[in-house]
């Protein structure tokens, strides 16, 4: 199974954990490429299960840009937890006016060991 785009930037995984950007915003590729910290992209036309997600046991961070997609966000959070992330925090750009954070952990999303 292959790593997601820009996944090679996480060899080794930094102490701060992994970051992934998702969404229908066409600028996510440029945004990820020029982001200060390394960040992976989940391509719009592929499912999170198609990739081997790197993990170091630390929390993972998902940036969701553009329209909200609960099903896709939940699926990616599940895959990151399955890969070993201790928890996942999602920042949803479309909710920036209110509280854009969504929290996931292994108690919320049941992950088989």
N, C-alpha and C. Protein backbone atom coordinates (compact mmCIF):
# COMPACT_ATOMS: atom_id res chain seq x y z
N UNK A 1 0.85 -1.17 0.00
CA UNK A 1 0.00 0.00 0.00
C UNK A 1 0.90 1.24 0.00
N UNK A 2 0.52 2.24 -0.75
CA UNK A 2 1.35 3.44 -0.89
C UNK A 2 1.00 4.51 0.15
N UNK A 3 1.95 5.40 0.36
CA UNK A 3 1.70 6.54 1.24
C UNK A 3 0.92 7.60 0.47
N UNK A 4 0.23 8.48 1.19
CA UNK A 4 -0.52 9.55 0.51
C UNK A 4 0.45 10.58 -0.10
N UNK A 5 -0.05 11.44 -0.99
CA UNK A 5 0.82 12.48 -1.54
C UNK A 5 1.47 13.30 -0.43
N UNK A 6 2.76 13.54 -0.60
CA UNK A 6 3.63 14.24 0.35
C UNK A 6 3.89 13.41 1.60
N UNK A 7 3.51 12.15 1.59
CA UNK A 7 3.75 11.27 2.73
C UNK A 7 5.22 11.00 2.99
N UNK A 8 6.05 11.13 1.95
CA UNK A 8 7.49 10.89 2.13
C UNK A 8 8.12 11.96 3.04
N UNK A 9 7.43 13.09 3.22
CA UNK A 9 7.93 14.13 4.13
C UNK A 9 7.87 13.67 5.59
N UNK A 10 7.18 12.57 5.84
CA UNK A 10 7.00 12.07 7.20
C UNK A 10 7.85 10.84 7.45
N UNK A 11 9.06 10.82 6.91
CA UNK A 11 10.02 9.75 7.17
C UNK A 11 11.28 10.37 7.72
N UNK A 12 11.50 10.41 9.00
CA UNK A 12 10.62 9.93 10.06
C UNK A 12 9.50 10.93 10.35
N UNK A 13 8.52 10.46 11.10
CA UNK A 13 7.41 11.33 11.50
C UNK A 13 7.95 12.34 12.52
N UNK A 14 7.68 13.64 12.33
CA UNK A 14 8.15 14.61 13.31
C UNK A 14 7.48 14.42 14.67
N UNK A 15 8.11 14.91 15.73
CA UNK A 15 7.55 14.77 17.08
C UNK A 15 6.16 15.37 17.20
N UNK A 16 5.87 16.35 16.34
CA UNK A 16 4.56 17.01 16.40
C UNK A 16 3.44 16.18 15.77
N UNK A 17 3.76 15.04 15.19
CA UNK A 17 2.74 14.19 14.59
C UNK A 17 2.51 14.50 13.12
N UNK A 18 1.46 13.93 12.57
CA UNK A 18 1.17 14.09 11.14
C UNK A 18 0.06 15.11 10.92
N UNK A 19 0.07 15.69 9.72
CA UNK A 19 -0.95 16.65 9.30
C UNK A 19 -1.43 16.25 7.92
N UNK A 20 -2.75 16.41 7.70
CA UNK A 20 -3.35 16.07 6.42
C UNK A 20 -4.32 17.18 6.05
N UNK A 21 -4.38 17.53 4.77
CA UNK A 21 -5.37 18.49 4.30
C UNK A 21 -6.34 17.75 3.37
N UNK A 22 -7.63 18.05 3.54
CA UNK A 22 -8.66 17.48 2.68
C UNK A 22 -9.60 18.60 2.25
N UNK A 23 -10.42 18.32 1.26
CA UNK A 23 -11.44 19.28 0.88
C UNK A 23 -11.57 19.45 -0.61
N UNK A 24 -12.60 20.19 -0.98
CA UNK A 24 -12.89 20.42 -2.38
C UNK A 24 -12.26 21.70 -2.90
N UNK A 25 -11.51 22.40 -2.06
CA UNK A 25 -10.81 23.60 -2.45
C UNK A 25 -9.70 23.21 -3.43
N UNK A 26 -9.70 23.74 -4.67
CA UNK A 26 -8.67 23.35 -5.64
C UNK A 26 -7.26 23.80 -5.24
N UNK A 27 -7.15 24.67 -4.27
CA UNK A 27 -5.83 25.16 -3.84
C UNK A 27 -5.17 24.30 -2.77
N UNK A 28 -5.79 23.17 -2.37
CA UNK A 28 -5.19 22.40 -1.29
C UNK A 28 -3.81 21.87 -1.66
N UNK A 29 -3.58 21.55 -2.93
CA UNK A 29 -2.27 21.04 -3.34
C UNK A 29 -1.19 22.10 -3.16
N UNK A 30 -1.46 23.31 -3.63
CA UNK A 30 -0.49 24.41 -3.48
C UNK A 30 -0.32 24.75 -2.01
N UNK A 31 -1.42 24.77 -1.28
CA UNK A 31 -1.37 25.09 0.15
C UNK A 31 -0.50 24.09 0.89
N UNK A 32 -0.66 22.81 0.59
CA UNK A 32 0.14 21.77 1.25
C UNK A 32 1.61 21.89 0.86
N UNK A 33 1.88 22.18 -0.40
CA UNK A 33 3.26 22.26 -0.88
C UNK A 33 4.01 23.41 -0.23
N UNK A 34 3.34 24.51 0.04
CA UNK A 34 4.04 25.67 0.58
C UNK A 34 3.84 25.85 2.10
N UNK A 35 3.12 24.94 2.73
CA UNK A 35 2.87 25.03 4.17
C UNK A 35 4.19 24.93 4.93
N UNK A 36 4.30 25.69 6.00
CA UNK A 36 5.54 25.72 6.79
C UNK A 36 5.90 24.34 7.33
N UNK A 37 4.91 23.64 7.89
CA UNK A 37 5.13 22.29 8.39
C UNK A 37 4.76 21.30 7.29
N UNK A 38 5.38 20.10 7.29
CA UNK A 38 4.99 19.12 6.29
C UNK A 38 3.52 18.74 6.45
N UNK A 39 2.86 18.57 5.32
CA UNK A 39 1.44 18.21 5.35
C UNK A 39 1.12 17.33 4.16
N UNK A 40 0.32 16.29 4.38
CA UNK A 40 -0.08 15.38 3.31
C UNK A 40 -1.41 15.83 2.73
N UNK A 41 -1.72 15.32 1.54
CA UNK A 41 -2.98 15.62 0.87
C UNK A 41 -3.76 14.33 0.67
N UNK A 42 -5.04 14.36 1.01
CA UNK A 42 -5.93 13.26 0.62
C UNK A 42 -6.62 13.72 -0.66
N UNK A 43 -6.23 13.14 -1.82
CA UNK A 43 -6.83 13.56 -3.09
C UNK A 43 -8.35 13.38 -3.07
N UNK A 44 -9.04 14.30 -3.68
CA UNK A 44 -10.50 14.30 -3.69
C UNK A 44 -11.07 13.04 -4.33
N UNK A 45 -10.36 12.45 -5.28
CA UNK A 45 -10.88 11.29 -6.00
C UNK A 45 -10.45 9.95 -5.39
N UNK A 46 -9.87 9.97 -4.18
CA UNK A 46 -9.42 8.72 -3.56
C UNK A 46 -9.93 8.65 -2.12
N UNK A 47 -10.07 7.43 -1.65
CA UNK A 47 -10.57 7.19 -0.30
C UNK A 47 -9.40 7.07 0.67
N UNK A 48 -9.58 7.43 1.93
CA UNK A 48 -8.49 7.33 2.91
C UNK A 48 -7.95 5.91 3.07
N UNK A 49 -8.79 4.91 2.86
CA UNK A 49 -8.38 3.51 3.00
C UNK A 49 -7.37 3.08 1.93
N UNK A 50 -7.21 3.88 0.89
CA UNK A 50 -6.29 3.54 -0.21
C UNK A 50 -4.83 3.77 0.15
N UNK A 51 -4.57 4.38 1.31
CA UNK A 51 -3.21 4.78 1.66
C UNK A 51 -2.75 4.17 2.97
N UNK A 52 -1.43 4.07 3.10
CA UNK A 52 -0.78 3.68 4.35
C UNK A 52 -0.38 4.98 5.03
N UNK A 53 -1.06 5.33 6.11
CA UNK A 53 -0.84 6.60 6.80
C UNK A 53 0.29 6.45 7.81
N UNK A 54 1.29 7.34 7.76
CA UNK A 54 2.37 7.26 8.75
C UNK A 54 1.86 7.71 10.11
N UNK A 55 2.45 7.18 11.16
CA UNK A 55 2.05 7.58 12.50
C UNK A 55 3.22 7.37 13.45
N UNK A 56 3.23 8.13 14.50
CA UNK A 56 4.25 7.99 15.54
C UNK A 56 3.62 7.84 16.91
N UNK A 57 2.30 7.64 16.97
CA UNK A 57 1.62 7.51 18.24
C UNK A 57 1.17 8.83 18.83
N UNK A 58 1.52 9.95 18.19
CA UNK A 58 1.09 11.27 18.64
C UNK A 58 -0.22 11.65 17.97
N UNK A 59 -0.86 12.73 18.43
CA UNK A 59 -2.09 13.18 17.76
C UNK A 59 -1.86 13.56 16.31
N UNK A 60 -2.89 13.43 15.51
CA UNK A 60 -2.85 13.84 14.10
C UNK A 60 -3.75 15.06 13.94
N UNK A 61 -3.46 15.87 12.93
CA UNK A 61 -4.22 17.08 12.66
C UNK A 61 -4.72 17.04 11.22
N UNK A 62 -6.02 17.28 11.03
CA UNK A 62 -6.63 17.35 9.70
C UNK A 62 -7.11 18.78 9.48
N UNK A 63 -6.73 19.35 8.35
CA UNK A 63 -7.26 20.63 7.91
C UNK A 63 -8.31 20.33 6.84
N UNK A 64 -9.53 20.80 7.03
CA UNK A 64 -10.56 20.63 6.01
C UNK A 64 -10.84 22.00 5.39
N UNK A 65 -10.52 22.12 4.11
CA UNK A 65 -10.68 23.39 3.41
C UNK A 65 -11.85 23.28 2.44
N UNK A 66 -12.64 24.33 2.34
CA UNK A 66 -13.79 24.31 1.45
C UNK A 66 -15.01 23.72 2.12
N UNK A 67 -15.87 23.11 1.31
CA UNK A 67 -17.13 22.56 1.82
C UNK A 67 -16.91 21.45 2.83
N UNK A 68 -17.84 21.33 3.75
CA UNK A 68 -17.78 20.29 4.77
C UNK A 68 -18.19 18.94 4.19
N UNK A 69 -17.49 17.89 4.60
CA UNK A 69 -17.81 16.53 4.17
C UNK A 69 -17.61 15.62 5.38
N UNK A 70 -18.67 15.48 6.18
CA UNK A 70 -18.59 14.71 7.42
C UNK A 70 -18.14 13.27 7.20
N UNK A 71 -18.69 12.63 6.18
CA UNK A 71 -18.39 11.22 5.93
C UNK A 71 -16.90 11.03 5.61
N UNK A 72 -16.36 11.89 4.77
CA UNK A 72 -14.95 11.80 4.38
C UNK A 72 -14.04 12.11 5.57
N UNK A 73 -14.41 13.13 6.35
CA UNK A 73 -13.62 13.50 7.52
C UNK A 73 -13.60 12.35 8.53
N UNK A 74 -14.76 11.76 8.80
CA UNK A 74 -14.83 10.63 9.73
C UNK A 74 -13.99 9.45 9.23
N UNK A 75 -14.04 9.17 7.93
CA UNK A 75 -13.28 8.05 7.38
C UNK A 75 -11.78 8.28 7.52
N UNK A 76 -11.32 9.50 7.27
CA UNK A 76 -9.89 9.80 7.41
C UNK A 76 -9.48 9.72 8.88
N UNK A 77 -10.28 10.26 9.78
CA UNK A 77 -9.96 10.18 11.21
C UNK A 77 -9.84 8.73 11.64
N UNK A 78 -10.74 7.89 11.18
CA UNK A 78 -10.71 6.47 11.50
C UNK A 78 -9.40 5.83 11.02
N UNK A 79 -9.01 6.13 9.79
CA UNK A 79 -7.77 5.56 9.24
C UNK A 79 -6.53 6.04 10.00
N UNK A 80 -6.50 7.30 10.40
CA UNK A 80 -5.37 7.82 11.16
C UNK A 80 -5.28 7.16 12.54
N UNK A 81 -6.43 6.96 13.18
CA UNK A 81 -6.44 6.27 14.46
C UNK A 81 -6.00 4.82 14.30
N UNK A 82 -6.46 4.18 13.23
CA UNK A 82 -6.06 2.80 12.95
C UNK A 82 -4.55 2.70 12.72
N UNK A 83 -3.97 3.75 12.12
CA UNK A 83 -2.53 3.76 11.83
C UNK A 83 -1.70 4.00 13.09
N UNK A 84 -2.35 4.40 14.19
CA UNK A 84 -1.62 4.56 15.44
C UNK A 84 -1.68 5.93 16.07
N UNK A 85 -2.35 6.90 15.44
CA UNK A 85 -2.47 8.22 16.06
C UNK A 85 -3.21 8.08 17.38
N UNK A 86 -2.75 8.79 18.41
CA UNK A 86 -3.41 8.70 19.72
C UNK A 86 -4.76 9.40 19.71
N UNK A 87 -4.89 10.42 18.90
CA UNK A 87 -6.15 11.15 18.71
C UNK A 87 -6.03 11.96 17.43
N UNK A 88 -7.15 12.52 17.00
CA UNK A 88 -7.19 13.32 15.78
C UNK A 88 -7.98 14.59 16.07
N UNK A 89 -7.44 15.71 15.64
CA UNK A 89 -8.15 16.99 15.72
C UNK A 89 -8.34 17.48 14.30
N UNK A 90 -9.56 17.86 13.98
CA UNK A 90 -9.86 18.41 12.65
C UNK A 90 -10.19 19.88 12.79
N UNK A 91 -9.59 20.70 11.94
CA UNK A 91 -9.91 22.12 11.86
C UNK A 91 -10.68 22.34 10.57
N UNK A 92 -11.94 22.73 10.71
CA UNK A 92 -12.83 22.86 9.56
C UNK A 92 -12.95 24.34 9.19
N UNK A 93 -12.30 24.70 8.09
CA UNK A 93 -12.23 26.09 7.65
C UNK A 93 -13.60 26.74 7.51
N UNK A 94 -14.58 25.99 7.05
CA UNK A 94 -15.92 26.54 6.82
C UNK A 94 -16.60 26.95 8.13
N UNK A 95 -16.09 26.46 9.26
CA UNK A 95 -16.68 26.79 10.56
C UNK A 95 -15.84 27.80 11.35
N UNK A 96 -14.93 28.46 10.67
CA UNK A 96 -13.96 29.31 11.35
C UNK A 96 -14.61 30.41 12.19
N UNK A 97 -15.82 30.83 11.83
CA UNK A 97 -16.52 31.86 12.60
C UNK A 97 -16.91 31.36 13.98
N UNK A 98 -17.22 30.07 14.08
CA UNK A 98 -17.54 29.50 15.38
C UNK A 98 -16.32 28.70 15.83
N UNK A 99 -16.51 27.58 16.45
CA UNK A 99 -15.39 26.73 16.85
C UNK A 99 -15.18 25.68 15.78
N UNK A 100 -14.08 25.76 15.02
CA UNK A 100 -13.89 24.86 13.89
C UNK A 100 -13.33 23.49 14.26
N UNK A 101 -13.09 23.22 15.54
CA UNK A 101 -12.40 21.99 15.92
C UNK A 101 -13.37 20.81 16.09
N UNK A 102 -12.93 19.66 15.64
CA UNK A 102 -13.65 18.40 15.85
C UNK A 102 -12.61 17.43 16.41
N UNK A 103 -12.94 16.73 17.49
CA UNK A 103 -12.00 15.84 18.14
C UNK A 103 -12.41 14.38 17.96
N UNK A 104 -11.43 13.54 17.69
CA UNK A 104 -11.65 12.10 17.57
C UNK A 104 -10.62 11.39 18.44
N UNK A 105 -11.01 10.31 19.06
CA UNK A 105 -10.04 9.44 19.70
C UNK A 105 -10.55 8.01 19.60
N UNK A 106 -9.76 7.09 20.08
CA UNK A 106 -10.10 5.67 19.91
C UNK A 106 -11.34 5.27 20.70
N UNK A 107 -11.75 6.08 21.67
CA UNK A 107 -12.98 5.79 22.40
C UNK A 107 -14.20 6.23 21.61
N UNK A 108 -14.06 7.27 20.81
CA UNK A 108 -15.17 7.80 20.02
C UNK A 108 -15.37 6.98 18.76
N UNK A 109 -14.27 6.72 18.06
CA UNK A 109 -14.31 5.89 16.86
C UNK A 109 -13.67 4.55 17.24
N UNK A 110 -14.43 3.52 17.25
CA UNK A 110 -13.92 2.22 17.67
C UNK A 110 -13.00 1.65 16.61
N UNK A 111 -11.75 1.46 17.01
CA UNK A 111 -10.71 0.97 16.11
C UNK A 111 -10.25 -0.38 16.60
N UNK A 112 -10.28 -1.34 15.71
CA UNK A 112 -9.80 -2.68 16.07
C UNK A 112 -8.30 -2.64 16.26
N UNK A 113 -7.82 -3.28 17.29
CA UNK A 113 -6.38 -3.27 17.61
C UNK A 113 -5.62 -4.18 16.68
